[in-house]
Amino acid sequence: MLLAGSEKKEIKKLSYHFCSDEALLHINQQFLAHDFYTDIITFDYNEKNKIVGEIYVSADRVADNAKKADTAFEVELLRVLAHGLLHLCGYKDKTPMQKKQMRQAEDKAMLAFNKTKQLE
């Protein structure tokens, strides 16, 4: 909720679905006509400033990406979860500039999460 609020959005309905590489590949092929593995697919059903969406996450891909980045699975998972929510907040990641903005927003979300976790 902290991330959505910082983007002046309210979450009305948000669901995360965790699946395998193969399941997400099938979704990617069926709905996006993409024939490649990905870590996340976000379906945006937003209503004005209210977030309504579904986010599908490949736990297999997150684990693989965590190894490649030499980071903990949990850290990579939080980044991917934030990434999906940022898509629902209007962020894109097709161009180099959009990717840079997305990464900066992910980093900001991760910092906010770490600060919140320290307060517990």
Protein backbone atom coordinates (compact mmCIF):
# COMPACT_ATOMS: atom_id res chain seq x y z
CA MET A 1 0.00 0.00 0.00
CA LEU A 2 2.92 2.30 0.71
CA LEU A 3 4.11 2.10 -2.89
CA ALA A 4 0.67 2.74 -4.37
CA GLY A 5 0.07 5.65 -2.01
CA SER A 6 3.38 7.26 -2.92
CA GLU A 7 2.19 7.17 -6.55
CA LYS A 8 -1.15 8.77 -5.57
CA LYS A 9 -3.01 5.53 -6.27
CA GLU A 10 -5.38 3.44 -4.20
CA ILE A 11 -5.48 -0.33 -4.44
CA LYS A 12 -9.03 -1.54 -5.03
CA LYS A 13 -8.25 -5.12 -6.04
CA LEU A 14 -4.84 -6.64 -6.64
CA SER A 15 -3.94 -10.29 -6.93
CA TYR A 16 -0.57 -11.94 -7.26
CA HIS A 17 -0.35 -15.42 -8.80
CA PHE A 18 2.84 -17.43 -8.42
CA CYS A 19 3.57 -20.07 -11.02
CA SER A 20 6.27 -21.96 -12.88
CA ASP A 21 8.25 -20.85 -15.93
CA GLU A 22 6.14 -23.12 -18.12
CA ALA A 23 2.83 -21.75 -16.84
CA LEU A 24 3.95 -18.14 -17.35
CA LEU A 25 5.34 -18.99 -20.80
CA HIS A 26 1.89 -20.31 -21.73
CA ILE A 27 0.25 -17.06 -20.50
CA ASN A 28 2.85 -15.04 -22.41
CA GLN A 29 2.11 -16.97 -25.61
CA GLN A 30 -1.66 -16.97 -25.19
CA PHE A 31 -2.27 -13.37 -24.18
CA LEU A 32 0.75 -11.43 -25.47
CA ALA A 33 1.87 -13.54 -28.45
CA HIS A 34 5.39 -13.65 -26.95
CA ASP A 35 7.32 -16.91 -27.09
CA PHE A 36 9.84 -16.39 -24.31
CA TYR A 37 10.22 -16.80 -20.57
CA THR A 38 9.65 -13.80 -18.34
CA ASP A 39 9.57 -13.21 -14.61
CA ILE A 40 6.32 -11.22 -14.53
CA ILE A 41 3.20 -10.41 -16.53
CA THR A 42 0.85 -7.69 -15.35
CA PHE A 43 -2.78 -7.36 -16.41
CA ASP A 44 -4.06 -3.84 -15.85
CA TYR A 45 -7.78 -3.36 -15.23
CA ASN A 46 -7.39 0.00 -13.47
CA GLU A 47 -10.36 2.26 -12.81
CA LYS A 48 -9.17 5.90 -12.83
CA ASN A 49 -6.81 6.25 -9.81
CA LYS A 50 -7.87 2.92 -8.33
CA ILE A 51 -5.59 -0.01 -8.98
CA VAL A 52 -7.28 -3.16 -10.20
CA GLY A 53 -5.00 -5.81 -11.61
CA GLU A 54 -3.53 -9.27 -11.71
CA ILE A 55 0.17 -9.97 -11.53
CA TYR A 56 1.61 -13.34 -12.53
CA VAL A 57 5.10 -14.16 -11.27
CA SER A 58 7.34 -17.05 -12.28
CA ALA A 59 9.03 -18.24 -9.10
CA ASP A 60 11.46 -20.21 -11.30
CA ARG A 61 12.53 -17.08 -13.19
CA VAL A 62 12.82 -15.03 -9.98
CA ALA A 63 15.11 -17.70 -8.51
CA ASP A 64 17.23 -17.77 -11.66
CA ASN A 65 17.47 -13.97 -11.81
CA ALA A 66 18.43 -13.83 -8.13
CA LYS A 67 21.31 -16.22 -8.79
CA LYS A 68 22.46 -14.19 -11.80
CA ALA A 69 22.33 -10.97 -9.77
CA ASP A 70 23.99 -12.66 -6.77
CA THR A 71 21.18 -11.60 -4.48
CA ALA A 72 18.74 -13.38 -2.19
CA PHE A 73 15.57 -14.85 -3.67
CA GLU A 74 13.47 -12.75 -1.27
CA VAL A 75 15.14 -9.51 -2.41
CA GLU A 76 14.59 -10.32 -6.09
CA LEU A 77 11.01 -11.34 -5.36
CA LEU A 78 10.28 -8.02 -3.63
CA ARG A 79 11.75 -6.17 -6.60
CA VAL A 80 9.55 -8.12 -9.03
CA LEU A 81 6.44 -7.57 -6.89
CA ALA A 82 7.18 -3.84 -6.81
CA HIS A 83 7.82 -3.90 -10.58
CA GLY A 84 4.35 -5.31 -11.24
CA LEU A 85 2.68 -2.77 -8.98
CA LEU A 86 4.64 0.02 -10.66
CA HIS A 87 3.25 -1.11 -14.02
CA LEU A 88 -0.22 -0.71 -12.54
CA CYS A 89 0.80 2.78 -11.38
CA GLY A 90 1.58 3.70 -14.99
CA TYR A 91 5.28 2.94 -15.32
CA LYS A 92 6.47 1.38 -18.58
CA ASP A 93 9.74 -0.36 -19.43
CA LYS A 94 9.97 -0.58 -23.22
CA THR A 95 12.51 2.18 -23.95
CA PRO A 96 15.90 2.75 -22.29
CA MET A 97 14.55 5.88 -20.55
CA GLN A 98 11.46 4.03 -19.31
CA LYS A 99 13.66 1.18 -18.04
CA LYS A 100 15.81 3.67 -16.15
CA GLN A 101 12.74 5.31 -14.58
CA MET A 102 11.31 1.91 -13.67
CA ARG A 103 14.59 0.84 -12.03
CA GLN A 104 14.74 4.08 -10.05
CA ALA A 105 11.16 3.56 -8.85
CA GLU A 106 11.97 -0.06 -7.92
CA ASP A 107 15.02 1.10 -5.94
CA LYS A 108 12.90 3.71 -4.15
CA ALA A 109 10.30 1.07 -3.28
CA MET A 110 12.98 -1.28 -1.98
CA LEU A 111 14.43 1.46 0.22
CA ALA A 112 10.98 2.30 1.60
CA PHE A 113 10.34 -1.38 2.33
CA ASN A 114 13.69 -1.70 4.14
CA LYS A 115 12.98 1.39 6.23
CA THR A 116 9.51 0.10 7.13
CA LYS A 117 10.92 -3.32 8.01
CA GLN A 118 13.48 -1.70 10.36
CA LEU A 119 10.64 -0.01 12.27
CA GLU A 120 9.05 -3.36 13.16
